[in-house]
Each structure stands twice: as structure tokens, then as C-alpha cells.
């Protein structure tokens, strides 16, 4: 089901509130008006009782019978016997000694009460007062119930309802448009210049942050594309040049072998570069489909040490693995790439006869695993430490290319750590070596 627009929702809610206010006001108006009329009637009954008191005390009952009044006048002896009623024959009325108005008047001097009829369409208002001679004078009249009053006012109430609906509709339409207007005028490219409600400022702030991140990603993408183009162009140019010479012929066997070896080396470098780019792309997009599993960092390290052993022996670099098993939950190929790149860099950028110390430590109290690779290599200048994880960034470009590096190794390490919610610490000093520590959740 298609969601309703914000304008429509505001319109409906405002219209509903306006109509509801009408019914509440109408109810309060009718209730107060009905109550006001009732008080007026009681006041008139009280005034009339004072006027009639002298006639009763002077035994002028004939005068009472001749009064032109719609109110019912009843006189009751102190024992409850009715001895006068201007509407019916008093002799036919039962004893009123148990009536509430009679008892209250006897006890309190006067009382005003009301009683509904059996049909609830009418109620009778009674005012009774105790006379000096001990008799009770009761005056009563009928009043229509509030529902009869509403029915009698139905025409005017209906007209008022139509007016209220029209006003509510017009107001709701205007309010909904005015409320939504600032939202429609937000410049999503430059939200900081838009005038918005205070409540929307966290929203526009988030847009600003996302725009900044988007611009940063676009800048990194363009830079990455330029770097990839440059990195691929160099070996392709070499391969093309060597191939052109071989195509022309005339080279001796030694030169041909040398060119073929160079073409092979440059091709391998391109393959490594493409593979690293693919790995980074997968980590960026989190498109790795493999499930995480229980892994031993110690086993990963042993495999990586075996893979770099040839280069380590060539430089006479010793590798020492110590510590715990380092059990973590991770994706095996990704963790291996991280471990391999750190150990491979420790060997590549080490000095002849150097050392690589690998230590794994389980910290059960903090539920974390520390994986540390320490070398005695060339080190990292303090000014460049923050940039070593950038793609294609090399501290010593000539040495990196000589070692077959693509400039993506530490970037893969960074993204692999992020993928596994791990953090990386770097400590390095030029000429003394570097220490990389990856902290995994256990």
C-alpha cells in the first residue's frame, strides 16, 4: 500500500482536530447553557415561593388557585398530608412524608432537587421551603432534557457544523502547505544554507555529513582510478616496448631471454595488482560471501611464514612466532591476506640479517586478541604514518617496486580489520623498525 504524503497526513490530522474542537465546544456550550437555564428556573421558583408565603400563612388558598402560573404549587402539612395542589385534587394525593424534597426542607429549611421522567426526555425541578407554621411549600416545574434541547437546536447546530468543517478544511489545507513548505525548499546539495525548523537541523546535519562523505568517496574514487591507470600503464608500457623489440627480430638469445623475463615479471606485477584491487573492492562493498568461522591466528601465521620463507632466506631475515593460539571469528581468506601482508611487509622492508617478531596474546579479561608483527626494518617517518594505509601510497617508491609491491597491501590490512571490527595500532621509528598491532574481538 502506497504511503500517504506528509501534506495529506498533516491535513487530515489538522482537519480532525478542528472538527473535534467544534464538537467539544458545542458540547460545553449546550451543557453550560442547559445548566444556566436550570439555575434560572430554580431562582424563579425560590422567588415565587417567597411571594406565595404570605398567602399561605394567611390561609388565602383561593388566591393560590386563581394564580395564572404554569408552575405546580403544593402545600404539605408537617405530617406529610397534602392539603393543597393547584393542578390536581389534593385529596387524591398520597402522603408526601417520605418524599425527599419534604424531608430535606424539614431538616434544612429549603431544598432544590430535580428528577428525570421515566422516558428521560423531561425532568421535574422542585423547590421546597419550610414555612414558619411547620408546613412545607413546594413549587415545581418541568424542563426538557438536554437531548430535547439539542434536537430543538439541531438546525443551528448543523449550520455551525458545516461552517466548522469548511473552516477546518481551509485551515488544515493552509497549515499543511505552510508546514511542508520548508521541507520542499531544502537544498540537499547545500542544506546548510536552507532555513529549516529547529527539529530538522539534525536531519540537515546528517545530509551535510553524507554529502561530505560522498565528496570524499568521489575524490578517493577518482584518485584511485588515476592511480590504477598509472600503475597499470607502467608495466603495460614496458611489456609493449619489449614485445615490439622482439617482434622486430634481430635480438640474440640472451637478450630475448632477458626481455622475456622482464615481460613475465611485469605481467606478474599486473596480476598481483589486479588481484589486490579485486580484494579491496570486495572489502569495500562487503560483498564477501564466505561465512565467518573459528580461526587460529597462529595457524594463519605459520602458513604466511611458509609463503614468505624464500624472500626471508634471501635477505637472511629470521622470523620468530610466539604466544597463544589467538582464536577469533573471521573469514579465512580475508584474515590470511591481512596476516600475510603484515608479515610480507616486515620481510620486504627489513634490513639484511634483520628480525621479525610475531606475537599473539589472548586477553580473556577484555575478551580480545592482540596480534603483533615487529620488524627491524627501515621504519616509517612520523609525518607519513597517517598515510601508510592509503591506496598506492609508498614511503620508498623505488624500493617498493623493486620488491614487487603494489602499494595496496596495508590498505587491504586496514579494510580487512574494519570488516572484522578490529583496530590497528602502529608504532615506528626511522632506521629502527616498525610494530603493527591488530586488536581483534575474541
Protein backbone atom coordinates (compact mmCIF):
# COMPACT_ATOMS: atom_id res chain seq x y z
CA UNK A 1 0.00 0.00 0.00
CA UNK A 2 1.35 3.39 -1.06
CA UNK A 3 2.21 5.56 1.98
CA UNK A 4 0.29 8.82 2.34
CA UNK A 5 2.14 12.08 1.74
CA UNK A 6 3.20 14.26 4.67
CA UNK A 7 0.95 17.07 3.42
CA UNK A 8 -2.05 14.74 3.40
CA UNK A 9 -1.27 13.45 6.90
CA UNK A 10 -0.96 16.97 8.31
CA UNK A 11 -4.18 18.00 6.53
CA UNK A 12 -6.15 15.03 7.91
CA UNK A 13 -4.82 15.47 11.46
CA UNK A 14 -5.44 19.23 11.47
CA UNK A 15 -8.92 18.77 9.98
CA UNK A 16 -9.73 16.11 12.57
CA UNK A 17 -8.52 18.32 15.43
CA UNK A 18 -10.57 21.29 14.13
CA UNK A 19 -13.73 19.20 13.83
CA UNK A 20 -13.13 17.62 17.24
CA UNK A 21 -12.77 21.08 18.78
CA UNK A 22 -16.15 22.03 17.30
CA UNK A 23 -17.89 19.05 18.94
CA UNK A 24 -16.15 19.71 22.26
CA UNK A 25 -17.12 23.40 22.17
CA UNK A 26 -20.70 22.54 21.13
CA UNK A 27 -20.96 20.05 23.99
CA UNK A 28 -19.57 22.51 26.52
CA UNK A 29 -21.82 25.30 25.22
CA UNK A 30 -25.01 23.22 25.39
CA UNK A 31 -24.08 21.77 28.80
CA UNK A 32 -23.37 25.19 30.27
CA UNK A 33 -26.44 26.72 28.67
CA UNK A 34 -28.63 23.90 30.00
CA UNK A 35 -27.11 24.29 33.45
CA UNK A 36 -27.62 28.06 33.28
CA UNK A 37 -31.32 27.62 32.42
CA UNK A 38 -31.73 25.19 35.30
CA UNK A 39 -30.23 27.68 37.76
CA UNK A 40 -32.51 30.39 36.42
CA UNK A 41 -35.57 28.19 36.91
CA UNK A 42 -34.57 27.33 40.49
CA UNK A 43 -34.03 31.02 41.15
CA UNK A 44 -37.51 31.81 39.81
CA UNK A 45 -39.05 29.02 41.90
CA UNK A 46 -37.35 30.35 45.00
CA UNK A 47 -38.56 33.89 44.31
CA UNK A 48 -42.09 32.64 43.70
CA UNK A 49 -42.06 30.71 46.99
CA UNK A 50 -41.22 33.89 48.89
CA UNK A 51 -44.05 35.68 47.08
CA UNK A 52 -46.56 32.93 47.97
CA UNK A 53 -45.53 32.53 51.59
CA UNK A 54 -47.81 35.33 52.90
CA UNK A 55 -50.86 33.93 51.05
CA UNK A 56 -50.28 30.52 52.61
CA UNK A 57 -49.78 31.88 56.11
CA UNK A 58 -52.96 33.99 55.77
CA UNK A 59 -54.89 30.92 54.58
CA UNK A 60 -55.68 32.56 51.24
CA UNK A 61 -55.79 29.25 49.34
CA UNK A 62 -58.41 30.58 46.92
CA UNK A 63 -55.92 33.20 45.88
CA UNK A 64 -53.40 30.47 45.13
CA UNK A 65 -55.93 28.61 42.98
CA UNK A 66 -56.57 31.69 40.89
CA UNK A 67 -52.90 32.36 40.11
CA UNK A 68 -52.07 32.17 36.36
CA UNK A 69 -48.88 30.10 36.58
CA UNK A 70 -47.56 27.01 34.82
CA UNK A 71 -45.73 26.02 37.97
CA UNK A 72 -47.26 23.43 40.25
CA UNK A 73 -47.87 24.66 43.84
CA UNK A 74 -48.27 22.07 46.58
CA UNK A 75 -48.82 22.60 50.31
CA UNK A 76 -47.94 19.81 52.71
CA UNK A 77 -48.73 19.56 56.42
CA UNK A 78 -45.96 18.72 58.81
CA UNK A 79 -47.21 15.09 58.88
CA UNK A 80 -46.88 14.77 55.09
CA UNK A 81 -50.53 15.21 54.22
CA UNK A 82 -51.14 17.23 51.05
CA UNK A 83 -53.85 19.81 51.67
CA UNK A 84 -53.47 21.96 48.55
CA UNK A 85 -52.37 21.45 44.94
CA UNK A 86 -53.22 23.87 42.12
CA UNK A 87 -53.01 21.19 39.41
CA UNK A 88 -54.75 18.13 40.86
CA UNK A 89 -57.21 17.30 43.64
CA UNK A 90 -55.15 17.30 46.84
CA UNK A 91 -57.45 14.71 48.44
CA UNK A 92 -56.40 12.16 45.83
CA UNK A 93 -52.66 12.54 46.50
CA UNK A 94 -50.81 10.12 48.71
CA UNK A 95 -48.91 11.18 51.80
CA UNK A 96 -45.67 13.03 50.90
CA UNK A 97 -43.97 12.41 54.21
CA UNK A 98 -41.38 10.12 52.58
CA UNK A 99 -40.61 12.44 49.65
CA UNK A 100 -37.02 13.65 49.53
CA UNK A 101 -37.90 17.29 48.99
CA UNK A 102 -40.27 17.22 52.01
CA UNK A 103 -37.70 15.64 54.30
CA UNK A 104 -34.84 17.91 53.17
CA UNK A 105 -36.99 21.03 53.60
CA UNK A 106 -38.00 19.93 57.13
CA UNK A 107 -34.36 19.34 58.06
CA UNK A 108 -32.60 22.17 56.24
CA UNK A 109 -35.26 24.86 55.77
CA UNK A 110 -35.23 24.67 51.96
CA UNK A 111 -34.09 22.37 49.20
CA UNK A 112 -33.91 22.28 45.39
CA UNK A 113 -33.76 18.95 43.60
CA UNK A 114 -34.57 17.51 40.17
CA UNK A 115 -35.89 14.17 38.97
CA UNK A 116 -35.96 12.69 35.43
CA UNK A 117 -39.11 11.23 33.96
CA UNK A 118 -39.29 7.55 33.05
CA UNK A 119 -38.63 8.41 29.38
CA UNK A 120 -35.59 10.57 30.23
CA UNK A 121 -36.93 13.25 27.86
CA UNK A 122 -38.08 15.51 30.68
CA UNK A 123 -37.20 16.25 34.25
CA UNK A 124 -39.02 18.00 37.10
CA UNK A 125 -37.36 20.72 39.15
CA UNK A 126 -38.56 21.05 42.78
CA UNK A 127 -38.05 23.87 45.26
CA UNK A 128 -39.40 23.25 48.75
CA UNK A 129 -39.20 25.52 51.79
CA UNK A 130 -40.28 25.12 55.40
CA UNK A 131 -42.89 27.70 56.43
CA UNK A 132 -43.00 29.29 59.90
CA UNK A 133 -46.16 27.28 60.73
CA UNK A 134 -44.33 23.97 60.10
CA UNK A 135 -45.94 23.29 56.72
CA UNK A 136 -43.88 22.78 53.55
CA UNK A 137 -44.44 24.82 50.40
CA UNK A 138 -43.30 23.01 47.26
CA UNK A 139 -43.16 24.58 43.82
CA UNK A 140 -42.19 22.55 40.76
CA UNK A 141 -41.98 22.85 37.00
CA UNK A 142 -40.92 20.68 34.09
CA UNK A 143 -37.78 21.13 31.99
CA UNK A 144 -36.91 19.32 28.79
CA UNK A 145 -33.78 17.16 28.93
CA UNK A 146 -30.56 18.22 27.20
CA UNK A 147 -31.27 15.81 24.32
CA UNK A 148 -34.56 17.57 23.60
CA UNK A 149 -32.68 20.87 23.70
CA UNK A 150 -30.09 19.52 21.21
CA UNK A 151 -32.88 18.26 18.95
CA UNK A 152 -34.54 21.65 19.08
CA UNK A 153 -31.27 23.32 18.14
CA UNK A 154 -30.38 20.75 15.50
CA UNK A 155 -30.78 23.15 12.60
CA UNK A 156 -28.48 25.81 14.00
CA UNK A 157 -26.05 23.13 15.21
CA UNK A 158 -25.96 21.61 11.72
CA UNK A 159 -25.28 25.00 10.16
CA UNK A 160 -22.49 25.58 12.67
CA UNK A 161 -21.06 22.12 11.89
CA UNK A 162 -20.96 22.89 8.16
CA UNK A 163 -19.22 26.20 8.88
CA UNK A 164 -16.76 24.46 11.25
CA UNK A 165 -15.98 21.78 8.64
CA UNK A 166 -15.35 24.42 5.96
CA UNK A 167 -13.13 26.50 8.26
CA UNK A 168 -11.28 23.36 9.45
CA UNK A 169 -10.73 22.20 5.87
CA UNK A 170 -9.41 25.59 4.70
CA UNK A 171 -7.24 25.95 7.81
CA UNK A 172 -5.89 22.40 7.52
CA UNK A 173 -5.06 22.94 3.85
CA UNK A 174 -3.21 26.19 4.59
CA UNK A 175 -1.39 24.81 7.65
CA UNK A 176 -0.31 21.60 5.90
CA UNK A 177 1.18 23.56 3.00
CA UNK A 178 2.94 26.02 5.31
CA UNK A 179 4.39 23.23 7.45
CA UNK A 180 5.68 21.24 4.47
CA UNK A 181 6.96 24.28 2.55
CA UNK A 182 10.35 24.48 4.36
CA UNK A 183 10.87 20.77 3.67
CA UNK A 184 10.26 21.21 -0.05
CA UNK A 185 12.70 24.11 -0.24
CA UNK A 186 15.66 22.28 1.35
CA UNK A 187 18.67 22.40 -0.94
CA UNK A 188 20.02 18.88 -0.50
CA UNK A 189 23.26 19.82 -2.22
CA UNK A 190 23.81 22.72 0.18
CA UNK A 191 21.48 22.09 3.16
CA UNK A 192 23.47 24.42 5.40
CA UNK A 193 22.03 27.45 3.55
CA UNK A 194 18.41 26.28 3.95
CA UNK A 195 16.13 27.77 6.59
CA UNK A 196 14.62 24.78 8.39
CA UNK A 197 12.82 24.03 11.64
CA UNK A 198 14.97 23.50 14.71
CA UNK A 199 13.74 19.89 14.85
CA UNK A 200 15.07 19.28 11.31
CA UNK A 201 18.59 20.52 11.98
CA UNK A 202 19.89 17.03 12.98
CA UNK A 203 18.46 15.80 9.66
CA UNK A 204 20.18 18.52 7.60
CA UNK A 205 23.36 18.00 9.60
CA UNK A 206 23.28 14.35 8.63
CA UNK A 207 22.80 15.34 4.97
CA UNK A 208 25.80 17.67 5.21
CA UNK A 209 27.90 14.84 6.65
CA UNK A 210 26.74 12.42 3.97
CA UNK A 211 27.45 14.97 1.24
CA UNK A 212 30.94 15.44 2.66
CA UNK A 213 31.48 11.68 2.82
CA UNK A 214 30.13 11.34 -0.71
CA UNK A 215 32.54 14.03 -1.93
CA UNK A 216 35.40 12.31 -0.11
CA UNK A 217 34.49 8.96 -1.62
CA UNK A 218 34.26 10.52 -5.07
CA UNK A 219 37.64 12.15 -4.61
CA UNK A 220 39.13 8.85 -3.42
CA UNK A 221 37.50 7.04 -6.34
CA UNK A 222 38.96 9.49 -8.85
CA UNK A 223 42.33 9.29 -7.16
CA UNK A 224 42.11 5.50 -7.08
CA UNK A 225 41.18 5.38 -10.77
CA UNK A 226 44.09 7.65 -11.64
CA UNK A 227 46.47 5.55 -9.55
CA UNK A 228 45.25 2.30 -11.06
CA UNK A 229 45.64 3.76 -14.55
CA UNK A 230 49.16 4.88 -13.72
CA UNK A 231 50.13 1.59 -12.05
CA UNK A 232 48.82 -0.44 -15.00
CA UNK A 233 50.25 1.87 -17.64
CA UNK A 234 53.83 1.47 -16.42
CA UNK A 235 54.09 -2.36 -16.77
CA UNK A 236 51.97 -2.31 -19.93
CA UNK A 237 54.35 0.23 -21.48
CA UNK A 238 57.31 -1.97 -20.57
CA UNK A 239 55.62 -5.11 -21.89
CA UNK A 240 54.64 -3.32 -25.10
CA UNK A 241 58.19 -1.99 -25.59
CA UNK A 242 59.85 -5.36 -25.02
CA UNK A 243 57.32 -7.11 -27.24
CA UNK A 244 57.83 -4.55 -30.04
CA UNK A 245 61.59 -5.17 -29.99
CA UNK A 246 61.11 -8.95 -30.01
CA UNK A 247 58.57 -8.61 -32.85
CA UNK A 248 61.10 -6.74 -34.96
CA UNK A 249 63.58 -9.62 -34.51
CA UNK A 250 67.35 -9.38 -34.59
CA UNK A 251 67.93 -9.93 -30.87
CA UNK A 252 70.32 -12.59 -29.68
CA UNK A 253 69.27 -15.44 -27.44
CA UNK A 254 70.47 -13.82 -24.20
CA UNK A 255 68.67 -10.57 -24.93
CA UNK A 256 65.48 -12.44 -25.87
CA UNK A 257 65.55 -14.35 -22.59
CA UNK A 258 66.16 -11.14 -20.67
CA UNK A 259 63.22 -9.42 -22.41
CA UNK A 260 61.01 -12.45 -21.82
CA UNK A 261 61.95 -12.43 -18.13
CA UNK A 262 61.09 -8.74 -17.88
CA UNK A 263 57.76 -9.31 -19.64
CA UNK A 264 57.00 -12.14 -17.20
CA UNK A 265 57.91 -10.01 -14.16
CA UNK A 266 55.79 -7.08 -15.34
CA UNK A 267 52.88 -9.43 -16.11
CA UNK A 268 53.09 -10.94 -12.62
CA UNK A 269 53.12 -7.46 -11.16
CA UNK A 270 49.95 -6.62 -13.11
CA UNK A 271 48.27 -9.84 -11.98
CA UNK A 272 49.14 -9.08 -8.34
CA UNK A 273 47.84 -5.53 -8.75
CA UNK A 274 44.54 -6.69 -10.28
CA UNK A 275 44.09 -9.33 -7.56
CA UNK A 276 44.68 -6.73 -4.84
CA UNK A 277 42.21 -4.34 -6.47
CA UNK A 278 39.58 -7.12 -6.58
CA UNK A 279 40.15 -7.91 -2.90
CA UNK A 280 39.83 -4.25 -1.93
CA UNK A 281 36.65 -3.86 -3.97
CA UNK A 282 35.08 -6.85 -2.23
CA UNK A 283 36.03 -5.50 1.18
CA UNK A 284 34.73 -2.03 0.26
CA UNK A 285 31.38 -3.41 -0.87
CA UNK A 286 31.28 -6.05 1.88
CA UNK A 287 30.40 -8.50 -0.89
CA UNK A 288 32.40 -11.37 0.58
CA UNK A 289 30.04 -14.32 0.56
CA UNK A 290 32.04 -16.60 2.84
CA UNK A 291 30.74 -17.25 6.35
CA UNK A 292 32.80 -16.36 9.38
CA UNK A 293 34.29 -19.29 11.26
CA UNK A 294 36.53 -20.03 14.23
CA UNK A 295 40.14 -19.40 13.16
CA UNK A 296 43.54 -19.69 14.79
CA UNK A 297 45.81 -16.72 14.11
CA UNK A 298 48.76 -18.92 14.96
CA UNK A 299 47.89 -21.30 12.11
CA UNK A 300 47.40 -18.35 9.74
CA UNK A 301 50.83 -17.04 10.73
CA UNK A 302 52.51 -20.40 10.08
CA UNK A 303 51.06 -20.52 6.56
CA UNK A 304 52.14 -16.92 5.87
CA UNK A 305 55.66 -17.55 7.25
CA UNK A 306 55.97 -20.53 4.90
CA UNK A 307 54.85 -18.37 1.95
CA UNK A 308 57.48 -15.63 2.62
CA UNK A 309 60.26 -18.02 3.62
CA UNK A 310 62.05 -17.76 0.26
CA UNK A 311 62.30 -13.96 0.48
CA UNK A 312 63.27 -14.19 4.15
CA UNK A 313 66.13 -16.60 3.39
CA UNK A 314 67.30 -14.40 0.52
CA UNK A 315 67.76 -11.49 2.96
CA UNK A 316 68.73 -13.71 5.88
CA UNK A 317 65.79 -12.35 7.92
CA UNK A 318 64.79 -14.51 10.86
CA UNK A 319 61.09 -14.91 11.75
CA UNK A 320 60.05 -15.88 15.29
CA UNK A 321 56.44 -16.78 16.22
CA UNK A 322 55.41 -16.79 19.91
CA UNK A 323 52.30 -16.51 22.06
CA UNK A 324 48.83 -18.05 22.17
CA UNK A 325 46.63 -19.70 19.57
CA UNK A 326 44.65 -16.49 19.03
CA UNK A 327 41.20 -17.92 18.37
CA UNK A 328 38.96 -15.42 16.56
CA UNK A 329 35.79 -15.48 14.47
CA UNK A 330 36.53 -14.43 10.88
CA UNK A 331 36.60 -15.08 7.14
CA UNK A 332 39.60 -17.30 6.44
CA UNK A 333 40.83 -15.78 3.12
CA UNK A 334 40.49 -12.23 4.44
CA UNK A 335 42.32 -12.93 7.71
CA UNK A 336 45.06 -14.73 5.80
CA UNK A 337 45.52 -11.74 3.46
CA UNK A 338 45.88 -9.46 6.47
CA UNK A 339 48.37 -11.70 8.24
CA UNK A 340 50.34 -12.37 5.05
CA UNK A 341 50.62 -8.68 4.08
CA UNK A 342 51.88 -7.66 7.53
CA UNK A 343 54.49 -10.43 7.66
CA UNK A 344 55.45 -9.97 3.98
CA UNK A 345 55.97 -6.20 4.53
CA UNK A 346 58.03 -6.92 7.65
CA UNK A 347 60.35 -9.05 5.49
CA UNK A 348 60.37 -6.83 2.36
CA UNK A 349 61.15 -3.60 4.21
CA UNK A 350 63.63 -5.18 6.61
CA UNK A 351 67.38 -4.89 6.52
CA UNK A 352 69.69 -7.81 5.68
CA UNK A 353 70.16 -10.10 8.69
CA UNK A 354 67.11 -8.43 10.27
CA UNK A 355 64.47 -9.93 12.56
CA UNK A 356 60.69 -10.27 12.53
CA UNK A 357 58.96 -10.98 15.86
CA UNK A 358 55.35 -12.19 15.72
CA UNK A 359 53.39 -12.44 18.95
CA UNK A 360 49.79 -13.47 19.63
CA UNK A 361 48.25 -12.79 23.02
CA UNK A 362 44.79 -13.69 24.35
CA UNK A 363 43.39 -11.24 26.92
CA UNK A 364 40.49 -13.14 28.47
CA UNK A 365 39.51 -10.35 30.87
CA UNK A 366 38.84 -7.92 28.00
CA UNK A 367 37.76 -10.65 25.54
CA UNK A 368 40.30 -9.50 22.94
CA UNK A 369 43.20 -10.94 20.93
CA UNK A 370 46.37 -8.92 20.20
CA UNK A 371 48.27 -9.85 17.03
CA UNK A 372 51.64 -8.06 16.80
CA UNK A 373 54.23 -8.02 13.98
CA UNK A 374 57.51 -6.27 14.85
CA UNK A 375 60.44 -5.80 12.45
CA UNK A 376 63.91 -4.25 12.46
CA UNK A 377 63.45 -2.59 9.07
CA UNK A 378 63.63 0.90 7.61
CA UNK A 379 60.81 2.33 9.75
CA UNK A 380 58.19 4.94 8.91
CA UNK A 381 58.69 8.72 9.18
CA UNK A 382 56.33 10.28 11.72
CA UNK A 383 54.93 12.67 9.09
CA UNK A 384 53.89 9.76 6.87
CA UNK A 385 52.49 7.40 9.50
CA UNK A 386 48.90 8.57 8.94
CA UNK A 387 49.12 7.95 5.19
CA UNK A 388 50.53 4.43 5.05
CA UNK A 389 47.05 2.87 4.79
CA UNK A 390 46.14 4.93 1.72
CA UNK A 391 45.86 3.04 -1.54
CA UNK A 392 49.04 3.08 -3.66
CA UNK A 393 50.88 5.14 -1.05
CA UNK A 394 54.53 4.14 -0.78
CA UNK A 395 57.15 5.50 1.60
CA UNK A 396 60.05 4.38 -0.62
CA UNK A 397 58.59 4.08 -4.12
CA UNK A 398 61.72 2.73 -5.80
CA UNK A 399 62.27 0.09 -3.12
CA UNK A 400 58.58 -0.90 -3.11
CA UNK A 401 58.54 -1.53 -6.86
CA UNK A 402 61.84 -3.37 -6.62
CA UNK A 403 60.24 -5.69 -4.04
CA UNK A 404 57.19 -6.24 -6.27
CA UNK A 405 54.81 -4.28 -4.06
CA UNK A 406 51.53 -2.91 -5.43
CA UNK A 407 51.04 -0.22 -2.78
CA UNK A 408 47.77 -1.85 -1.70
CA UNK A 409 48.99 -4.26 0.99
CA UNK A 410 48.36 -2.04 4.04
CA UNK A 411 45.10 -0.77 2.54
CA UNK A 412 43.93 -4.40 2.38
CA UNK A 413 45.04 -4.84 6.00
CA UNK A 414 43.04 -1.76 7.06
CA UNK A 415 39.85 -2.86 5.25
CA UNK A 416 40.18 -6.45 6.47
CA UNK A 417 40.49 -5.20 10.07
CA UNK A 418 37.45 -2.97 9.64
CA UNK A 419 35.49 -5.88 8.16
CA UNK A 420 36.19 -7.87 11.34
CA UNK A 421 35.61 -4.97 13.78
CA UNK A 422 39.31 -4.95 14.63
CA UNK A 423 41.55 -1.93 15.25
CA UNK A 424 45.18 -1.30 14.21
CA UNK A 425 47.96 0.38 16.18
CA UNK A 426 51.23 1.48 14.53
CA UNK A 427 54.47 2.31 16.30
CA UNK A 428 57.54 3.06 14.21
CA UNK A 429 60.91 4.82 14.21
CA UNK A 430 63.01 5.51 11.16
CA UNK A 431 66.03 3.21 10.98
CA UNK A 432 64.87 1.05 13.90
CA UNK A 433 61.78 -0.71 12.58
CA UNK A 434 58.02 -0.82 12.89
CA UNK A 435 55.45 -2.56 15.07
CA UNK A 436 51.89 -3.27 13.82
CA UNK A 437 49.32 -4.45 16.35
CA UNK A 438 45.87 -5.66 15.28
CA UNK A 439 43.33 -5.97 18.13
CA UNK A 440 40.54 -8.47 17.42
CA UNK A 441 37.39 -9.17 19.42
CA UNK A 442 37.83 -12.73 20.70
